[in-house]
């Protein structure tokens, strides 16, 4: 919180109700106290982050394959480059050299695949699963007992 707000809440120091020449009457009578509260979400699984707060906390320790600059242009970050296939259905991502994974190993493609697989796993509860659904997922009816019946597809 900003200092003027803190002073105003505590009624100490320079603030609209303080007399700069003497302590506030409030502090002479009893010690000032202030209780503040804030949400503290569990930040144990980046695949489930769904609010900007979570993501901002994660950015302190995690980095992205790419970053979008203020001008709206997305550029490689942990990637060196990316290249689309001619039909734009397949993309080849090239990782920069010398990047360390969280356990100290050199970062390799399997680490990226592991993360994307987690995002796409419905059991993880990924907050981006719905975003991917429109362009990366293919719905498959994997319920053999329902095929041929009146089950919706």
C-alpha atoms as a PDB file:
ATOM      1  CA  UNK A   1       0.000   0.000   0.000  1.00  0.00           C
ATOM      2  CA  UNK A   2       1.137   3.558  -0.604  1.00  0.00           C
ATOM      3  CA  UNK A   3       2.551   5.559   2.315  1.00  0.00           C
ATOM      4  CA  UNK A   4      -0.280   8.174   2.325  1.00  0.00           C
ATOM      5  CA  UNK A   5      -2.839   5.371   2.654  1.00  0.00           C
ATOM      6  CA  UNK A   6      -0.868   3.665   5.431  1.00  0.00           C
ATOM      7  CA  UNK A   7      -0.518   6.956   7.320  1.00  0.00           C
ATOM      8  CA  UNK A   8      -4.203   7.666   6.862  1.00  0.00           C
ATOM      9  CA  UNK A   9      -5.235   4.251   8.171  1.00  0.00           C
ATOM     10  CA  UNK A  10      -2.901   4.455  11.154  1.00  0.00           C
ATOM     11  CA  UNK A  11      -3.636   8.151  11.727  1.00  0.00           C
ATOM     12  CA  UNK A  12       0.057   8.765  12.170  1.00  0.00           C
ATOM     13  CA  UNK A  13       2.487  10.947  10.317  1.00  0.00           C
ATOM     14  CA  UNK A  14       1.520  13.338   7.562  1.00  0.00           C
ATOM     15  CA  UNK A  15      -2.063  12.737   6.572  1.00  0.00           C
ATOM     16  CA  UNK A  16      -5.296  14.675   6.303  1.00  0.00           C
ATOM     17  CA  UNK A  17      -6.172  14.130   9.983  1.00  0.00           C
ATOM     18  CA  UNK A  18      -2.697  14.489  11.488  1.00  0.00           C
ATOM     19  CA  UNK A  19      -1.348  17.580  13.182  1.00  0.00           C
ATOM     20  CA  UNK A  20       2.308  17.662  12.196  1.00  0.00           C
ATOM     21  CA  UNK A  21       3.286  19.357  15.480  1.00  0.00           C
ATOM     22  CA  UNK A  22       2.119  16.617  17.837  1.00  0.00           C
ATOM     23  CA  UNK A  23       1.127  12.945  17.810  1.00  0.00           C
ATOM     24  CA  UNK A  24      -2.442  12.184  16.786  1.00  0.00           C
ATOM     25  CA  UNK A  25      -4.966  11.910  19.609  1.00  0.00           C
ATOM     26  CA  UNK A  26      -5.751   8.373  18.454  1.00  0.00           C
ATOM     27  CA  UNK A  27      -2.194   7.154  19.107  1.00  0.00           C
ATOM     28  CA  UNK A  28      -2.094   8.789  22.542  1.00  0.00           C
ATOM     29  CA  UNK A  29      -5.127   6.802  23.686  1.00  0.00           C
ATOM     30  CA  UNK A  30      -4.082   3.361  22.490  1.00  0.00           C
ATOM     31  CA  UNK A  31      -1.750   1.707  20.069  1.00  0.00           C
ATOM     32  CA  UNK A  32      -3.001   1.861  16.508  1.00  0.00           C
ATOM     33  CA  UNK A  33      -3.613  -1.395  14.736  1.00  0.00           C
ATOM     34  CA  UNK A  34      -4.655  -2.298  11.266  1.00  0.00           C
ATOM     35  CA  UNK A  35      -5.810  -5.607   9.838  1.00  0.00           C
ATOM     36  CA  UNK A  36      -5.395  -6.205   6.123  1.00  0.00           C
ATOM     37  CA  UNK A  37      -6.525  -9.189   4.100  1.00  0.00           C
ATOM     38  CA  UNK A  38      -5.773 -10.471   0.650  1.00  0.00           C
ATOM     39  CA  UNK A  39      -6.435 -13.624  -1.283  1.00  0.00           C
ATOM     40  CA  UNK A  40      -3.546 -16.074  -1.255  1.00  0.00           C
ATOM     41  CA  UNK A  41      -4.251 -18.651  -3.949  1.00  0.00           C
ATOM     42  CA  UNK A  42      -2.312 -21.889  -4.153  1.00  0.00           C
ATOM     43  CA  UNK A  43       0.463 -21.403  -6.701  1.00  0.00           C
ATOM     44  CA  UNK A  44       1.499 -25.026  -6.889  1.00  0.00           C
ATOM     45  CA  UNK A  45       0.624 -25.770 -10.509  1.00  0.00           C
ATOM     46  CA  UNK A  46       1.214 -23.200 -13.271  1.00  0.00           C
ATOM     47  CA  UNK A  47      -1.008 -25.223 -15.612  1.00  0.00           C
ATOM     48  CA  UNK A  48      -4.011 -24.210 -13.477  1.00  0.00           C
ATOM     49  CA  UNK A  49      -3.321 -20.481 -13.172  1.00  0.00           C
ATOM     50  CA  UNK A  50      -6.445 -18.621 -14.246  1.00  0.00           C
ATOM     51  CA  UNK A  51      -5.964 -15.072 -12.933  1.00  0.00           C
ATOM     52  CA  UNK A  52      -3.399 -12.396 -13.726  1.00  0.00           C
ATOM     53  CA  UNK A  53      -2.299 -12.503 -10.057  1.00  0.00           C
ATOM     54  CA  UNK A  54      -1.278 -16.155 -10.382  1.00  0.00           C
ATOM     55  CA  UNK A  55       0.550 -15.514 -13.630  1.00  0.00           C
ATOM     56  CA  UNK A  56       2.361 -12.473 -12.238  1.00  0.00           C
ATOM     57  CA  UNK A  57       3.623 -14.581  -9.323  1.00  0.00           C
ATOM     58  CA  UNK A  58       4.692 -17.362 -11.680  1.00  0.00           C
ATOM     59  CA  UNK A  59       6.604 -14.930 -13.884  1.00  0.00           C
ATOM     60  CA  UNK A  60       9.024 -14.347 -11.009  1.00  0.00           C
ATOM     61  CA  UNK A  61      10.352 -17.899 -11.375  1.00  0.00           C
ATOM     62  CA  UNK A  62       9.215 -19.160 -14.780  1.00  0.00           C
ATOM     63  CA  UNK A  63       9.897 -17.953 -18.278  1.00  0.00           C
ATOM     64  CA  UNK A  64       8.005 -18.267 -21.533  1.00  0.00           C
ATOM     65  CA  UNK A  65       8.863 -19.765 -24.892  1.00  0.00           C
ATOM     66  CA  UNK A  66       7.882 -16.431 -26.441  1.00  0.00           C
ATOM     67  CA  UNK A  67       6.952 -12.962 -25.251  1.00  0.00           C
ATOM     68  CA  UNK A  68       4.562 -10.436 -26.674  1.00  0.00           C
ATOM     69  CA  UNK A  69       6.090  -6.971 -26.734  1.00  0.00           C
ATOM     70  CA  UNK A  70       4.165  -3.760 -25.966  1.00  0.00           C
ATOM     71  CA  UNK A  71       3.694  -3.187 -29.717  1.00  0.00           C
ATOM     72  CA  UNK A  72       1.798  -6.509 -29.951  1.00  0.00           C
ATOM     73  CA  UNK A  73       4.543  -8.404 -31.783  1.00  0.00           C
ATOM     74  CA  UNK A  74       5.344 -11.838 -30.320  1.00  0.00           C
ATOM     75  CA  UNK A  75       9.041 -12.705 -30.360  1.00  0.00           C
ATOM     76  CA  UNK A  76      11.040 -15.788 -29.289  1.00  0.00           C
ATOM     77  CA  UNK A  77      12.254 -15.800 -25.693  1.00  0.00           C
ATOM     78  CA  UNK A  78      13.271 -19.310 -24.600  1.00  0.00           C
ATOM     79  CA  UNK A  79      12.898 -20.194 -28.247  1.00  0.00           C
ATOM     80  CA  UNK A  80      15.497 -19.270 -30.799  1.00  0.00           C
ATOM     81  CA  UNK A  81      12.921 -19.349 -33.597  1.00  0.00           C
ATOM     82  CA  UNK A  82       9.821 -21.080 -34.937  1.00  0.00           C
ATOM     83  CA  UNK A  83       8.907 -22.148 -38.424  1.00  0.00           C
ATOM     84  CA  UNK A  84       5.494 -23.141 -39.793  1.00  0.00           C
ATOM     85  CA  UNK A  85       4.903 -25.844 -42.363  1.00  0.00           C
ATOM     86  CA  UNK A  86       3.587 -24.756 -45.761  1.00  0.00           C
ATOM     87  CA  UNK A  87      -0.013 -25.583 -44.739  1.00  0.00           C
ATOM     88  CA  UNK A  88       0.428 -23.935 -41.282  1.00  0.00           C
ATOM     89  CA  UNK A  89      -0.698 -27.112 -39.522  1.00  0.00           C
ATOM     90  CA  UNK A  90       2.685 -27.981 -38.056  1.00  0.00           C
ATOM     91  CA  UNK A  91       5.122 -25.669 -36.313  1.00  0.00           C
ATOM     92  CA  UNK A  92       8.764 -26.423 -35.544  1.00  0.00           C
ATOM     93  CA  UNK A  93      10.009 -24.733 -32.370  1.00  0.00           C
ATOM     94  CA  UNK A  94      13.764 -24.385 -31.884  1.00  0.00           C
ATOM     95  CA  UNK A  95      14.926 -23.920 -28.292  1.00  0.00           C
ATOM     96  CA  UNK A  96      17.797 -21.617 -27.426  1.00  0.00           C
ATOM     97  CA  UNK A  97      20.951 -23.359 -26.275  1.00  0.00           C
ATOM     98  CA  UNK A  98      22.141 -23.186 -22.675  1.00  0.00           C
ATOM     99  CA  UNK A  99      18.735 -22.955 -20.954  1.00  0.00           C
ATOM    100  CA  UNK A 100      18.456 -24.846 -17.671  1.00  0.00           C
ATOM    101  CA  UNK A 101      15.314 -26.700 -16.583  1.00  0.00           C
ATOM    102  CA  UNK A 102      14.089 -26.327 -12.987  1.00  0.00           C
ATOM    103  CA  UNK A 103      16.134 -29.319 -11.810  1.00  0.00           C
ATOM    104  CA  UNK A 104      19.350 -28.030 -13.395  1.00  0.00           C
ATOM    105  CA  UNK A 105      19.220 -30.187 -16.531  1.00  0.00           C
ATOM    106  CA  UNK A 106      19.580 -28.570 -19.893  1.00  0.00           C
ATOM    107  CA  UNK A 107      16.135 -27.772 -21.313  1.00  0.00           C
ATOM    108  CA  UNK A 108      15.109 -30.059 -24.181  1.00  0.00           C
ATOM    109  CA  UNK A 109      12.012 -30.555 -26.333  1.00  0.00           C
ATOM    110  CA  UNK A 110      10.673 -33.225 -23.939  1.00  0.00           C
ATOM    111  CA  UNK A 111      10.294 -30.539 -21.255  1.00  0.00           C
ATOM    112  CA  UNK A 112       8.131 -28.433 -23.572  1.00  0.00           C
ATOM    113  CA  UNK A 113       6.091 -31.494 -24.599  1.00  0.00           C
ATOM    114  CA  UNK A 114       5.595 -32.395 -20.927  1.00  0.00           C
ATOM    115  CA  UNK A 115       4.185 -28.932 -20.179  1.00  0.00           C
ATOM    116  CA  UNK A 116       1.866 -28.854 -23.188  1.00  0.00           C
ATOM    117  CA  UNK A 117       0.647 -32.354 -22.342  1.00  0.00           C
ATOM    118  CA  UNK A 118      -0.231 -31.160 -18.831  1.00  0.00           C
ATOM    119  CA  UNK A 119      -2.170 -28.182 -20.203  1.00  0.00           C
ATOM    120  CA  UNK A 120      -4.185 -30.519 -22.426  1.00  0.00           C
ATOM    121  CA  UNK A 121      -4.918 -33.128 -19.739  1.00  0.00           C
ATOM    122  CA  UNK A 122      -8.507 -32.624 -18.513  1.00  0.00           C
ATOM    123  CA  UNK A 123      -7.565 -34.236 -15.168  1.00  0.00           C
ATOM    124  CA  UNK A 124      -5.105 -31.415 -14.408  1.00  0.00           C
ATOM    125  CA  UNK A 125      -7.806 -28.735 -14.531  1.00  0.00           C
ATOM    126  CA  UNK A 126      -5.858 -26.459 -16.837  1.00  0.00           C
ATOM    127  CA  UNK A 127      -7.297 -22.986 -17.189  1.00  0.00           C
ATOM    128  CA  UNK A 128      -6.215 -22.838 -20.842  1.00  0.00           C
ATOM    129  CA  UNK A 129      -7.809 -26.095 -21.972  1.00  0.00           C
ATOM    130  CA  UNK A 130     -10.805 -24.210 -23.397  1.00  0.00           C
ATOM    131  CA  UNK A 131      -8.517 -21.811 -25.265  1.00  0.00           C
ATOM    132  CA  UNK A 132      -6.668 -24.688 -26.931  1.00  0.00           C
ATOM    133  CA  UNK A 133      -9.853 -26.558 -27.758  1.00  0.00           C
ATOM    134  CA  UNK A 134     -10.601 -24.437 -30.805  1.00  0.00           C
ATOM    135  CA  UNK A 135      -7.302 -24.964 -32.612  1.00  0.00           C
ATOM    136  CA  UNK A 136      -5.184 -27.742 -31.156  1.00  0.00           C
ATOM    137  CA  UNK A 137      -7.570 -30.393 -29.879  1.00  0.00           C
ATOM    138  CA  UNK A 138      -9.567 -32.882 -31.868  1.00  0.00           C
ATOM    139  CA  UNK A 139     -12.608 -34.283 -30.062  1.00  0.00           C
ATOM    140  CA  UNK A 140     -12.685 -38.057 -30.237  1.00  0.00           C
ATOM    141  CA  UNK A 141     -15.501 -40.266 -28.986  1.00  0.00           C
ATOM    142  CA  UNK A 142     -13.534 -42.768 -26.939  1.00  0.00           C
ATOM    143  CA  UNK A 143     -16.553 -44.396 -25.286  1.00  0.00           C
ATOM    144  CA  UNK A 144     -16.968 -47.687 -27.221  1.00  0.00           C
ATOM    145  CA  UNK A 145     -20.040 -48.688 -25.202  1.00  0.00           C
ATOM    146  CA  UNK A 146     -21.875 -45.593 -26.423  1.00  0.00           C
ATOM    147  CA  UNK A 147     -21.145 -45.942 -30.132  1.00  0.00           C
ATOM    148  CA  UNK A 148     -24.154 -46.911 -32.206  1.00  0.00           C
ATOM    149  CA  UNK A 149     -26.549 -45.774 -29.514  1.00  0.00           C
ATOM    150  CA  UNK A 150     -28.350 -42.481 -29.145  1.00  0.00           C
ATOM    151  CA  UNK A 151     -25.388 -40.792 -27.452  1.00  0.00           C
ATOM    152  CA  UNK A 152     -24.600 -37.251 -28.638  1.00  0.00           C
ATOM    153  CA  UNK A 153     -21.409 -36.841 -30.570  1.00  0.00           C
END
